Amino acid sequence: MTSKIEFPPRKEPIYAHGRNGYFKATAINVLDLSDSIILENWNSRDSIGRGRVVLPANCNVLRDLANKLNRIADRLP
């Protein structure tokens, strides 16, 4: 299962590294496979960027990541 999480509009774009240099990251794609979870950047041309993060499909790893992201979110304005 795939889901795309759009980034909110910003004054300054978020840049990620791609095949031809840097690009504007506009969303994150979450790909849920049977044995892994893949996080990928969407670029301003509405396609997937080169970099990705691959996580094992393990409930403890995903909960730890979610807890860390929630702690970061709690500190943001």
PDB file of N, CA and C in Angstrom:
ATOM      1  N   MET A   1       0.841  -1.172   0.000  1.00  0.00           N
ATOM      2  CA  MET A   1       0.000   0.000   0.000  1.00  0.00           C
ATOM      3  C   MET A   1       0.893   1.245   0.000  1.00  0.00           C
ATOM      4  N   THR A   2       0.513   2.222  -0.782  1.00  0.00           N
ATOM      5  CA  THR A   2       1.272   3.462  -0.896  1.00  0.00           C
ATOM      6  C   THR A   2       0.418   4.629  -0.437  1.00  0.00           C
ATOM      7  N   SER A   3       1.026   5.550   0.292  1.00  0.00           N
ATOM      8  CA  SER A   3       0.326   6.784   0.639  1.00  0.00           C
ATOM      9  C   SER A   3       1.296   7.953   0.500  1.00  0.00           C
ATOM     10  N   LYS A   4       0.775   9.052   0.016  1.00  0.00           N
ATOM     11  CA  LYS A   4       1.575  10.259  -0.218  1.00  0.00           C
ATOM     12  C   LYS A   4       1.152  11.305   0.803  1.00  0.00           C
ATOM     13  N   ILE A   5       2.120  11.869   1.522  1.00  0.00           N
ATOM     14  CA  ILE A   5       1.864  12.906   2.513  1.00  0.00           C
ATOM     15  C   ILE A   5       2.414  14.214   1.956  1.00  0.00           C
ATOM     16  N   GLU A   6       1.518  15.128   1.605  1.00  0.00           N
ATOM     17  CA  GLU A   6       1.919  16.422   1.030  1.00  0.00           C
ATOM     18  C   GLU A   6       2.528  17.309   2.113  1.00  0.00           C
ATOM     19  N   PHE A   7       3.541  18.082   1.755  1.00  0.00           N
ATOM     20  CA  PHE A   7       4.131  19.056   2.664  1.00  0.00           C
ATOM     21  C   PHE A   7       3.329  20.351   2.592  1.00  0.00           C
ATOM     22  N   PRO A   8       3.175  21.064   3.719  1.00  0.00           N
ATOM     23  CA  PRO A   8       2.480  22.353   3.673  1.00  0.00           C
ATOM     24  C   PRO A   8       3.317  23.385   2.918  1.00  0.00           C
ATOM     25  N   PRO A   9       2.668  24.408   2.346  1.00  0.00           N
ATOM     26  CA  PRO A   9       3.417  25.458   1.639  1.00  0.00           C
ATOM     27  C   PRO A   9       4.383  26.174   2.591  1.00  0.00           C
ATOM     28  N   ARG A  10       5.544  26.554   2.070  1.00  0.00           N
ATOM     29  CA  ARG A  10       6.561  27.258   2.858  1.00  0.00           C
ATOM     30  C   ARG A  10       7.109  28.429   2.059  1.00  0.00           C
ATOM     31  N   LYS A  11       7.673  29.403   2.773  1.00  0.00           N
ATOM     32  CA  LYS A  11       8.340  30.517   2.093  1.00  0.00           C
ATOM     33  C   LYS A  11       9.608  30.028   1.402  1.00  0.00           C
ATOM     34  N   GLU A  12      10.377  29.182   2.085  1.00  0.00           N
ATOM     35  CA  GLU A  12      11.609  28.617   1.538  1.00  0.00           C
ATOM     36  C   GLU A  12      11.395  27.126   1.287  1.00  0.00           C
ATOM     37  N   PRO A  13      11.725  26.628   0.104  1.00  0.00           N
ATOM     38  CA  PRO A  13      11.521  25.200  -0.181  1.00  0.00           C
ATOM     39  C   PRO A  13      12.487  24.305   0.596  1.00  0.00           C
ATOM     40  N   ILE A  14      12.109  23.062   0.756  1.00  0.00           N
ATOM     41  CA  ILE A  14      12.977  22.041   1.332  1.00  0.00           C
ATOM     42  C   ILE A  14      13.677  21.360   0.161  1.00  0.00           C
ATOM     43  N   TYR A  15      14.993  21.272   0.232  1.00  0.00           N
ATOM     44  CA  TYR A  15      15.749  20.665  -0.868  1.00  0.00           C
ATOM     45  C   TYR A  15      16.229  19.269  -0.493  1.00  0.00           C
ATOM     46  N   ALA A  16      16.197  18.368  -1.457  1.00  0.00           N
ATOM     47  CA  ALA A  16      16.724  17.011  -1.309  1.00  0.00           C
ATOM     48  C   ALA A  16      17.656  16.751  -2.487  1.00  0.00           C
ATOM     49  N   HIS A  17      18.532  15.790  -2.347  1.00  0.00           N
ATOM     50  CA  HIS A  17      19.511  15.501  -3.396  1.00  0.00           C
ATOM     51  C   HIS A  17      18.966  14.448  -4.348  1.00  0.00           C
ATOM     52  N   GLY A  18      19.075  14.722  -5.638  1.00  0.00           N
ATOM     53  CA  GLY A  18      18.602  13.793  -6.666  1.00  0.00           C
ATOM     54  C   GLY A  18      19.691  13.453  -7.657  1.00  0.00           C
ATOM     55  N   ARG A  19      19.330  12.780  -8.737  1.00  0.00           N
ATOM     56  CA  ARG A  19      20.298  12.362  -9.762  1.00  0.00           C
ATOM     57  C   ARG A  19      21.007  13.541 -10.410  1.00  0.00           C
ATOM     58  N   ASN A  20      20.296  14.634 -10.620  1.00  0.00           N
ATOM     59  CA  ASN A  20      20.854  15.792 -11.321  1.00  0.00           C
ATOM     60  C   ASN A  20      21.076  16.973 -10.386  1.00  0.00           C
ATOM     61  N   GLY A  21      21.404  16.700  -9.147  1.00  0.00           N
ATOM     62  CA  GLY A  21      21.608  17.762  -8.176  1.00  0.00           C
ATOM     63  C   GLY A  21      20.443  17.842  -7.208  1.00  0.00           C
ATOM     64  N   TYR A  22      20.217  19.024  -6.686  1.00  0.00           N
ATOM     65  CA  TYR A  22      19.180  19.202  -5.671  1.00  0.00           C
ATOM     66  C   TYR A  22      17.834  19.492  -6.313  1.00  0.00           C
ATOM     67  N   PHE A  23      16.760  19.092  -5.624  1.00  0.00           N
ATOM     68  CA  PHE A  23      15.406  19.365  -6.089  1.00  0.00           C
ATOM     69  C   PHE A  23      14.546  19.788  -4.908  1.00  0.00           C
ATOM     70  N   LYS A  24      13.408  20.394  -5.202  1.00  0.00           N
ATOM     71  CA  LYS A  24      12.473  20.815  -4.161  1.00  0.00           C
ATOM     72  C   LYS A  24      11.618  19.626  -3.745  1.00  0.00           C
ATOM     73  N   ALA A  25      11.700  19.251  -2.465  1.00  0.00           N
ATOM     74  CA  ALA A  25      10.882  18.159  -1.941  1.00  0.00           C
ATOM     75  C   ALA A  25       9.491  18.703  -1.616  1.00  0.00           C
ATOM     76  N   THR A  26       8.456  18.052  -2.124  1.00  0.00           N
ATOM     77  CA  THR A  26       7.085  18.540  -1.948  1.00  0.00           C
ATOM     78  C   THR A  26       6.202  17.596  -1.151  1.00  0.00           C
ATOM     79  N   ALA A  27       6.632  16.349  -0.980  1.00  0.00           N
ATOM     80  CA  ALA A  27       5.831  15.364  -0.254  1.00  0.00           C
ATOM     81  C   ALA A  27       6.718  14.176   0.097  1.00  0.00           C
ATOM     82  N   ILE A  28       6.170  13.295   0.905  1.00  0.00           N
ATOM     83  CA  ILE A  28       6.861  12.043   1.210  1.00  0.00           C
ATOM     84  C   ILE A  28       5.937  10.895   0.831  1.00  0.00           C
ATOM     85  N   ASN A  29       6.504   9.892   0.219  1.00  0.00           N
ATOM     86  CA  ASN A  29       5.757   8.700  -0.181  1.00  0.00           C
ATOM     87  C   ASN A  29       6.084   7.582   0.805  1.00  0.00           C
ATOM     88  N   VAL A  30       5.051   6.930   1.339  1.00  0.00           N
ATOM     89  CA  VAL A  30       5.232   5.810   2.259  1.00  0.00           C
ATOM     90  C   VAL A  30       4.746   4.555   1.554  1.00  0.00           C
ATOM     91  N   LEU A  31       5.663   3.649   1.284  1.00  0.00           N
ATOM     92  CA  LEU A  31       5.346   2.405   0.586  1.00  0.00           C
ATOM     93  C   LEU A  31       5.418   1.259   1.590  1.00  0.00           C
ATOM     94  N   ASP A  32       4.284   0.618   1.836  1.00  0.00           N
ATOM     95  CA  ASP A  32       4.172  -0.460   2.817  1.00  0.00           C
ATOM     96  C   ASP A  32       4.230  -1.806   2.096  1.00  0.00           C
ATOM     97  N   LEU A  33       5.388  -2.458   2.159  1.00  0.00           N
ATOM     98  CA  LEU A  33       5.564  -3.778   1.552  1.00  0.00           C
ATOM     99  C   LEU A  33       5.437  -4.847   2.635  1.00  0.00           C
ATOM    100  N   SER A  34       5.421  -6.088   2.256  1.00  0.00           N
ATOM    101  CA  SER A  34       5.242  -7.156   3.244  1.00  0.00           C
ATOM    102  C   SER A  34       6.425  -7.279   4.205  1.00  0.00           C
ATOM    103  N   ASP A  35       7.644  -6.986   3.750  1.00  0.00           N
ATOM    104  CA  ASP A  35       8.812  -7.150   4.611  1.00  0.00           C
ATOM    105  C   ASP A  35       9.552  -5.857   4.931  1.00  0.00           C
ATOM    106  N   SER A  36       9.085  -4.722   4.395  1.00  0.00           N
ATOM    107  CA  SER A  36       9.762  -3.451   4.654  1.00  0.00           C
ATOM    108  C   SER A  36       8.823  -2.272   4.423  1.00  0.00           C
ATOM    109  N   ILE A  37       9.232  -1.131   4.964  1.00  0.00           N
ATOM    110  CA  ILE A  37       8.546   0.144   4.770  1.00  0.00           C
ATOM    111  C   ILE A  37       9.553   1.063   4.090  1.00  0.00           C
ATOM    112  N   ILE A  38       9.158   1.695   2.984  1.00  0.00           N
ATOM    113  CA  ILE A  38      10.064   2.566   2.234  1.00  0.00           C
ATOM    114  C   ILE A  38       9.522   3.991   2.267  1.00  0.00           C
ATOM    115  N   LEU A  39      10.385   4.945   2.639  1.00  0.00           N
ATOM    116  CA  LEU A  39      10.048   6.370   2.635  1.00  0.00           C
ATOM    117  C   LEU A  39      10.806   7.018   1.485  1.00  0.00           C
ATOM    118  N   GLU A  40      10.081   7.746   0.618  1.00  0.00           N
ATOM    119  CA  GLU A  40      10.692   8.370  -0.558  1.00  0.00           C
ATOM    120  C   GLU A  40      10.228   9.822  -0.675  1.00  0.00           C
ATOM    121  N   ASN A  41      11.108  10.684  -1.184  1.00  0.00           N
ATOM    122  CA  ASN A  41      10.752  12.084  -1.436  1.00  0.00           C
ATOM    123  C   ASN A  41      10.060  12.241  -2.780  1.00  0.00           C
ATOM    124  N   TRP A  42       9.007  13.058  -2.813  1.00  0.00           N
ATOM    125  CA  TRP A  42       8.413  13.511  -4.079  1.00  0.00           C
ATOM    126  C   TRP A  42       9.057  14.844  -4.405  1.00  0.00           C
ATOM    127  N   ASN A  43       9.313  15.095  -5.684  1.00  0.00           N
ATOM    128  CA  ASN A  43       9.900  16.375  -6.061  1.00  0.00           C
ATOM    129  C   ASN A  43       8.858  17.295  -6.692  1.00  0.00           C
ATOM    130  N   SER A  44       9.278  18.498  -7.035  1.00  0.00           N
ATOM    131  CA  SER A  44       8.367  19.504  -7.584  1.00  0.00           C
ATOM    132  C   SER A  44       7.855  19.132  -8.971  1.00  0.00           C
ATOM    133  N   ARG A  45       8.454  18.146  -9.614  1.00  0.00           N
ATOM    134  CA  ARG A  45       7.963  17.656 -10.914  1.00  0.00           C
ATOM    135  C   ARG A  45       6.996  16.486 -10.737  1.00  0.00           C
ATOM    136  N   ASP A  46       6.560  16.273  -9.502  1.00  0.00           N
ATOM    137  CA  ASP A  46       5.589  15.233  -9.158  1.00  0.00           C
ATOM    138  C   ASP A  46       6.095  13.834  -9.497  1.00  0.00           C
ATOM    139  N   SER A  47       7.352  13.575  -9.149  1.00  0.00           N
ATOM    140  CA  SER A  47       7.910  12.235  -9.314  1.00  0.00           C
ATOM    141  C   SER A  47       8.776  11.909  -8.097  1.00  0.00           C
ATOM    142  N   ILE A  48       9.142  10.652  -7.969  1.00  0.00           N
ATOM    143  CA  ILE A  48       9.922  10.187  -6.826  1.00  0.00           C
ATOM    144  C   ILE A  48      11.387  10.565  -7.010  1.00  0.00           C
ATOM    145  N   GLY A  49      12.006  11.099  -5.953  1.00  0.00           N
ATOM    146  CA  GLY A  49      13.427  11.416  -5.971  1.00  0.00           C
ATOM    147  C   GLY A  49      14.266  10.161  -5.778  1.00  0.00           C
ATOM    148  N   ARG A  50      15.570  10.303  -5.877  1.00  0.00           N
ATOM    149  CA  ARG A  50      16.467   9.148  -5.839  1.00  0.00           C
ATOM    150  C   ARG A  50      16.640   8.570  -4.436  1.00  0.00           C
ATOM    151  N   GLY A  51      16.764   9.400  -3.428  1.00  0.00           N
ATOM    152  CA  GLY A  51      17.031   8.914  -2.079  1.00  0.00           C
ATOM    153  C   GLY A  51      15.820   8.242  -1.449  1.00  0.00           C
ATOM    154  N   ARG A  52      16.077   7.282  -0.588  1.00  0.00           N
ATOM    155  CA  ARG A  52      14.988   6.611   0.120  1.00  0.00           C
ATOM    156  C   ARG A  52      15.505   6.065   1.436  1.00  0.00           C
ATOM    157  N   VAL A  53      14.577   5.831   2.342  1.00  0.00           N
ATOM    158  CA  VAL A  53      14.875   5.194   3.620  1.00  0.00           C
ATOM    159  C   VAL A  53      14.083   3.899   3.659  1.00  0.00           C
ATOM    160  N   VAL A  54      14.759   2.787   3.917  1.00  0.00           N
ATOM    161  CA  VAL A  54      14.097   1.484   3.988  1.00  0.00           C
ATOM    162  C   VAL A  54      14.152   1.007   5.436  1.00  0.00           C
ATOM    163  N   LEU A  55      12.971   0.727   5.990  1.00  0.00           N
ATOM    164  CA  LEU A  55      12.850   0.244   7.364  1.00  0.00           C
ATOM    165  C   LEU A  55      12.317  -1.179   7.350  1.00  0.00           C
ATOM    166  N   PRO A  56      12.716  -1.996   8.315  1.00  0.00           N
ATOM    167  CA  PRO A  56      12.128  -3.329   8.389  1.00  0.00           C
ATOM    168  C   PRO A  56      10.665  -3.223   8.822  1.00  0.00           C
ATOM    169  N   ALA A  57       9.845  -4.138   8.363  1.00  0.00           N
ATOM    170  CA  ALA A  57       8.439  -4.163   8.779  1.00  0.00           C
ATOM    171  C   ALA A  57       8.377  -4.806  10.160  1.00  0.00           C
ATOM    172  N   ASN A  58       8.811  -4.051  11.149  1.00  0.00           N
ATOM    173  CA  ASN A  58       8.891  -4.515  12.528  1.00  0.00           C
ATOM    174  C   ASN A  58       8.160  -3.514  13.397  1.00  0.00           C
ATOM    175  N   CYS A  59       7.208  -3.982  14.204  1.00  0.00           N
ATOM    176  CA  CYS A  59       6.378  -3.060  14.987  1.00  0.00           C
ATOM    177  C   CYS A  59       7.202  -2.234  15.964  1.00  0.00           C
ATOM    178  N   ASN A  60       8.256  -2.797  16.554  1.00  0.00           N
ATOM    179  CA  ASN A  60       9.065  -2.039  17.506  1.00  0.00           C
ATOM    180  C   ASN A  60       9.839  -0.917  16.827  1.00  0.00           C
ATOM    181  N   VAL A  61      10.393  -1.178  15.658  1.00  0.00           N
ATOM    182  CA  VAL A  61      11.121  -0.146  14.915  1.00  0.00           C
ATOM    183  C   VAL A  61      10.176   0.983  14.531  1.00  0.00           C
ATOM    184  N   LEU A  62       9.003   0.640  14.006  1.00  0.00           N
ATOM    185  CA  LEU A  62       8.050   1.670  13.582  1.00  0.00           C
ATOM    186  C   LEU A  62       7.517   2.465  14.765  1.00  0.00           C
ATOM    187  N   ARG A  63       7.261   1.804  15.889  1.00  0.00           N
ATOM    188  CA  ARG A  63       6.807   2.527  17.090  1.00  0.00           C
ATOM    189  C   ARG A  63       7.892   3.454  17.618  1.00  0.00           C
ATOM    190  N   ASP A  64       9.141   2.991  17.616  1.00  0.00           N
ATOM    191  CA  ASP A  64      10.247   3.846  18.059  1.00  0.00           C
ATOM    192  C   ASP A  64      10.375   5.077  17.168  1.00  0.00           C
ATOM    193  N   LEU A  65      10.269   4.887  15.856  1.00  0.00           N
ATOM    194  CA  LEU A  65      10.331   6.014  14.928  1.00  0.00           C
ATOM    195  C   LEU A  65       9.156   6.961  15.162  1.00  0.00           C
ATOM    196  N   ALA A  66       7.957   6.411  15.313  1.00  0.00           N
ATOM    197  CA  ALA A  66       6.773   7.243  15.554  1.00  0.00           C
ATOM    198  C   ALA A  66       6.906   8.022  16.856  1.00  0.00           C
ATOM    199  N   ASN A  67       7.414   7.392  17.904  1.00  0.00           N
ATOM    200  CA  ASN A  67       7.608   8.086  19.180  1.00  0.00           C
ATOM    201  C   ASN A  67       8.607   9.223  19.040  1.00  0.00           C
ATOM    202  N   LYS A  68       9.699   8.984  18.328  1.00  0.00           N
ATOM    203  CA  LYS A  68      10.707  10.034  18.120  1.00  0.00           C
ATOM    204  C   LYS A  68      10.120  11.199  17.322  1.00  0.00           C
ATOM    205  N   LEU A  69       9.376  10.890  16.258  1.00  0.00           N
ATOM    206  CA  LEU A  69       8.753  11.948  15.457  1.00  0.00           C
ATOM    207  C   LEU A  69       7.724  12.721  16.272  1.00  0.00           C
ATOM    208  N   ASN A  70       6.972  12.039  17.130  1.00  0.00           N
ATOM    209  CA  ASN A  70       6.002  12.723  17.989  1.00  0.00           C
ATOM    210  C   ASN A  70       6.690  13.645  18.985  1.00  0.00           C
ATOM    211  N   ARG A  71       7.824  13.221  19.548  1.00  0.00           N
ATOM    212  CA  ARG A  71       8.564  14.093  20.470  1.00  0.00           C
ATOM    213  C   ARG A  71       9.076  15.337  19.741  1.00  0.00           C
ATOM    214  N   ILE A  72       9.543  15.174  18.514  1.00  0.00           N
ATOM    215  CA  ILE A  72       9.984  16.329  17.726  1.00  0.00           C
ATOM    216  C   ILE A  72       8.799  17.239  17.440  1.00  0.00           C
ATOM    217  N   ALA A  73       7.663  16.663  17.050  1.00  0.00           N
ATOM    218  CA  ALA A  73       6.464  17.455  16.745  1.00  0.00           C
ATOM    219  C   ALA A  73       5.986  18.230  17.966  1.00  0.00           C
ATOM    220  N   ASP A  74       6.100  17.659  19.140  1.00  0.00           N
ATOM    221  CA  ASP A  74       5.667  18.341  20.367  1.00  0.00           C
ATOM    222  C   ASP A  74       6.503  19.581  20.657  1.00  0.00           C
ATOM    223  N   ARG A  75       7.754  19.617  20.195  1.00  0.00           N
ATOM    224  CA  ARG A  75       8.624  20.779  20.426  1.00  0.00           C
ATOM    225  C   ARG A  75       8.400  21.902  19.421  1.00  0.00           C
ATOM    226  N   LEU A  76       7.765  21.601  18.299  1.00  0.00           N
ATOM    227  CA  LEU A  76       7.578  22.605  17.245  1.00  0.00           C
ATOM    228  C   LEU A  76       6.453  23.570  17.600  1.00  0.00           C
ATOM    229  N   PRO A  77       6.544  24.804  17.090  1.00  0.00           N
ATOM    230  CA  PRO A  77       5.470  25.781  17.374  1.00  0.00           C
ATOM    231  C   PRO A  77       4.180  25.438  16.649  1.00  0.00           C
TER     232      PRO A  77
END
